[in-house]
């Protein structure tokens, strides 16, 4: 916690404050000593005014290294400047006036068609053309009125731009010193924090302002800006060759690696078939009883009662079998995520180099839209339940990997050193010290992975995974609102049951460890 250094401090401490602030700010140190002291002494809003920030705007923030301040007020001032530019030299009614001219041209064409039809003795065609011309004339007049009204608002837009610009500058004048004082406190704790005025930051700030402001003003204030301003000057000539090359590469890889892909599919199918035998083919009273008992043993009586009620909902609405298929898909995906993810997380937690190499892959797995990576999965593995499980694994594995690695890195070095001093081998250290201490983080990762896998149920149904996702998909296709809500609630209850059981077990385990 930072203790405010106020003017009531002894003289020596005031001298130290002045020297510290002088080192931090560079020029105008006496002014900033006085303002920082005022801010630290204030019990309410500190009325501290910075004239330079008011005059220079975002440029002041760039010079002082306050880049968040720079970008925030640059965007706000740019909005005000656009209004100012539109009011000064913009043509607010240009679009409507262009529409008026286009309609007038069409009206003239229709009137000429009517004249030619009358000369040919075709009264019906002439009347139709005249009727269309009359309707278009009314639309053109409305467009002209709207264009004139927009042009009349020029002064209001100009005034709004001026008012906004002044308000934003006043806000900067009052906000600058408070933000700069916070940066000073961070600098006191960490000397690598940006301080003073650097010519490089002045140059970058001026370059950014010169590159952003004129182009933006030109784009929004000129009626017909150059095409390269609004549209990237490259057509789609590269799109087709690259997409065709990728398609050929996928086809070649699917044929060349068919044995590997079939093996992966077979392994997933074996796990999935085993779970379906247990959950689907086993008599439902047995499955329900076992799940309720497991919930009671791991999470307590309240979770067991909720589990029984949720399973009763699935059974009474005729969704038991499809729900168990969904749980089988989830179980196969979550099991493989845990089996593969925890060892990877342990490795990444002990090797920073390996984690840095895997980080882009984990980011890709979490951020790539699911509909995009369904494409290579279909290309390599086809459709059905195993590809659906594989898509779920890609989406659900990163949390358990990340949180396991985080838990391993959070094990105190002093604890590991003490274990080594008592003769622990690497295997014993991992088994008896690191994994138990990292277990809360590992369990949180498992819980997140299970829930993320369940969220993929509907998307996996797009490639034939079945289960409750198929019911939701059919409801979307045929706008069957009731069916979709009932199936969606079933998915919700499955998720809540799993989450409550895992959270209950995690809470009990954490209490036992304490």
Foldseek 3Di string as FASTA:
>chain_A
DDQQDAPPDDPVVLVVLLVLQCVFAPPPSVLLSVQLRQCNPDPDQRQAFDVVCLVVPLLVCLQFVNVVSNVVLLVQLLVLVLLQLQLPQFQQLLVLLVVLVVLVVLLVVLCVQLVVCVVVVNNVSNVVSNVVSVVSNVVSVVSVVVSVVRNVCSVVSNVSSVVSNNVSSRVSRRCVSVVVSVQSVVCVVPVVRGGYGDVVSSVVSVVVCVVPRVLSSQVSGDPDDDPCSVDPPDDCPVVVVVVVVVVVVLLVCLVVCVVVLVVLLVVLVVQLVVQCCVQQVPDPVVVLVVLLVLLCVQFRDVLSVLSNVLQVLCVVVVQRRLLSLLVSLLVSLLVVLLVPQLVLLLVCLVDVVSVVVCVVLLVCLAPPDLVVVLVSLCSRHNFEASSLSVSLNSHQNSLLSNLSSVQLNPQDPVVLVVCVVVPDDPVCCVPPPSCLSSVLSNLVSSLSSSLSSLVSLLVSVVRHSGGLNVQLVVCVVVVVVVSNVSSVVSSVSVSVSVNSSSVSNSVVSVVVVD
